[in-house]
Amino acid sequence: MSLPHAFRDEALLRRALTHPSVQGEGEDNQRLEFLGDAVLQLLTSEWLVAQRPGWDEGAMSRARG
């Protein structure tokens, strides 16, 4: 399978996509997971603000959750 993006560091991509139970000692991907979660939250928030202009902050927070 190929992706429509050229990654500069294929080892980092492999690390990001490998389950922690398979990774070796010192190859924890928790920091990448933290960053990925933040990116998804940002994109979801941006979509909700654009698609639901009448919703208040509470409704958007519940929907994002």
C-alpha atoms as a PDB file:
ATOM      1  CA  MET A   1       0.000   0.000   0.000  1.00  0.00           C
ATOM      2  CA  SER A   2       1.308   3.458  -0.794  1.00  0.00           C
ATOM      3  CA  LEU A   3       0.256   6.759   0.689  1.00  0.00           C
ATOM      4  CA  PRO A   4      -0.123  10.010  -1.264  1.00  0.00           C
ATOM      5  CA  HIS A   5       2.585  11.586   0.899  1.00  0.00           C
ATOM      6  CA  ALA A   6       6.351  11.143   0.917  1.00  0.00           C
ATOM      7  CA  PHE A   7       7.613  10.763   4.476  1.00  0.00           C
ATOM      8  CA  ARG A   8      11.132  11.976   5.197  1.00  0.00           C
ATOM      9  CA  ASP A   9      11.641   9.488   8.030  1.00  0.00           C
ATOM     10  CA  GLU A  10      10.064   6.117   7.291  1.00  0.00           C
ATOM     11  CA  ALA A  11      11.330   4.749  10.620  1.00  0.00           C
ATOM     12  CA  LEU A  12       9.306   7.389  12.461  1.00  0.00           C
ATOM     13  CA  LEU A  13       6.231   6.529  10.409  1.00  0.00           C
ATOM     14  CA  ARG A  14       6.683   2.839  11.180  1.00  0.00           C
ATOM     15  CA  ARG A  15       7.113   3.655  14.887  1.00  0.00           C
ATOM     16  CA  ALA A  16       3.965   5.800  14.906  1.00  0.00           C
ATOM     17  CA  LEU A  17       1.899   3.034  13.317  1.00  0.00           C
ATOM     18  CA  THR A  18       3.243   0.144  15.403  1.00  0.00           C
ATOM     19  CA  HIS A  19       1.360  -1.000  18.497  1.00  0.00           C
ATOM     20  CA  PRO A  20       3.358  -0.471  21.737  1.00  0.00           C
ATOM     21  CA  SER A  21       3.284  -4.206  22.519  1.00  0.00           C
ATOM     22  CA  VAL A  22       5.386  -4.863  19.405  1.00  0.00           C
ATOM     23  CA  GLN A  23       7.906  -2.063  19.898  1.00  0.00           C
ATOM     24  CA  GLY A  24      11.271  -2.648  21.491  1.00  0.00           C
ATOM     25  CA  GLU A  25      12.662  -1.174  24.683  1.00  0.00           C
ATOM     26  CA  GLY A  26      12.883   2.627  24.577  1.00  0.00           C
ATOM     27  CA  GLU A  27      10.682   2.937  21.480  1.00  0.00           C
ATOM     28  CA  ASP A  28       7.573   4.243  23.214  1.00  0.00           C
ATOM     29  CA  ASN A  29       5.154   6.037  20.903  1.00  0.00           C
ATOM     30  CA  GLN A  30       3.116   7.730  23.643  1.00  0.00           C
ATOM     31  CA  ARG A  31       4.440  11.188  22.723  1.00  0.00           C
ATOM     32  CA  LEU A  32       3.339  10.645  19.122  1.00  0.00           C
ATOM     33  CA  GLU A  33      -0.065   9.486  20.352  1.00  0.00           C
ATOM     34  CA  PHE A  34      -0.378  12.653  22.455  1.00  0.00           C
ATOM     35  CA  LEU A  35       0.440  14.819  19.442  1.00  0.00           C
ATOM     36  CA  GLY A  36      -1.925  12.898  17.162  1.00  0.00           C
ATOM     37  CA  ASP A  37      -4.775  13.243  19.656  1.00  0.00           C
ATOM     38  CA  ALA A  38      -4.201  17.009  19.780  1.00  0.00           C
ATOM     39  CA  VAL A  39      -4.265  17.270  15.976  1.00  0.00           C
ATOM     40  CA  LEU A  40      -7.512  15.289  15.758  1.00  0.00           C
ATOM     41  CA  GLN A  41      -9.066  17.469  18.459  1.00  0.00           C
ATOM     42  CA  LEU A  42      -8.074  20.624  16.560  1.00  0.00           C
ATOM     43  CA  LEU A  43      -9.503  19.352  13.271  1.00  0.00           C
ATOM     44  CA  THR A  44     -12.729  18.213  14.921  1.00  0.00           C
ATOM     45  CA  SER A  45     -13.097  21.554  16.696  1.00  0.00           C
ATOM     46  CA  GLU A  46     -12.532  23.475  13.473  1.00  0.00           C
ATOM     47  CA  TRP A  47     -15.136  21.349  11.677  1.00  0.00           C
ATOM     48  CA  LEU A  48     -17.712  21.807  14.455  1.00  0.00           C
ATOM     49  CA  VAL A  49     -17.265  25.599  14.505  1.00  0.00           C
ATOM     50  CA  ALA A  50     -17.751  25.743  10.720  1.00  0.00           C
ATOM     51  CA  GLN A  51     -20.636  23.261  10.489  1.00  0.00           C
ATOM     52  CA  ARG A  52     -22.598  24.165  13.625  1.00  0.00           C
ATOM     53  CA  PRO A  53     -22.568  27.979  13.913  1.00  0.00           C
ATOM     54  CA  GLY A  54     -25.580  28.013  16.242  1.00  0.00           C
ATOM     55  CA  TRP A  55     -24.099  25.649  18.814  1.00  0.00           C
ATOM     56  CA  ASP A  56     -22.663  27.000  22.044  1.00  0.00           C
ATOM     57  CA  GLU A  57     -19.343  25.902  23.538  1.00  0.00           C
ATOM     58  CA  GLY A  58     -20.955  23.230  25.713  1.00  0.00           C
ATOM     59  CA  ALA A  59     -22.713  21.554  22.803  1.00  0.00           C
ATOM     60  CA  MET A  60     -19.546  21.576  20.709  1.00  0.00           C
ATOM     61  CA  SER A  61     -17.499  20.152  23.593  1.00  0.00           C
ATOM     62  CA  ARG A  62     -19.976  17.316  24.071  1.00  0.00           C
ATOM     63  CA  ALA A  63     -20.049  16.548  20.335  1.00  0.00           C
ATOM     64  CA  ARG A  64     -16.248  16.615  20.105  1.00  0.00           C
ATOM     65  CA  GLY A  65     -15.990  14.248  23.067  1.00  0.00           C
END
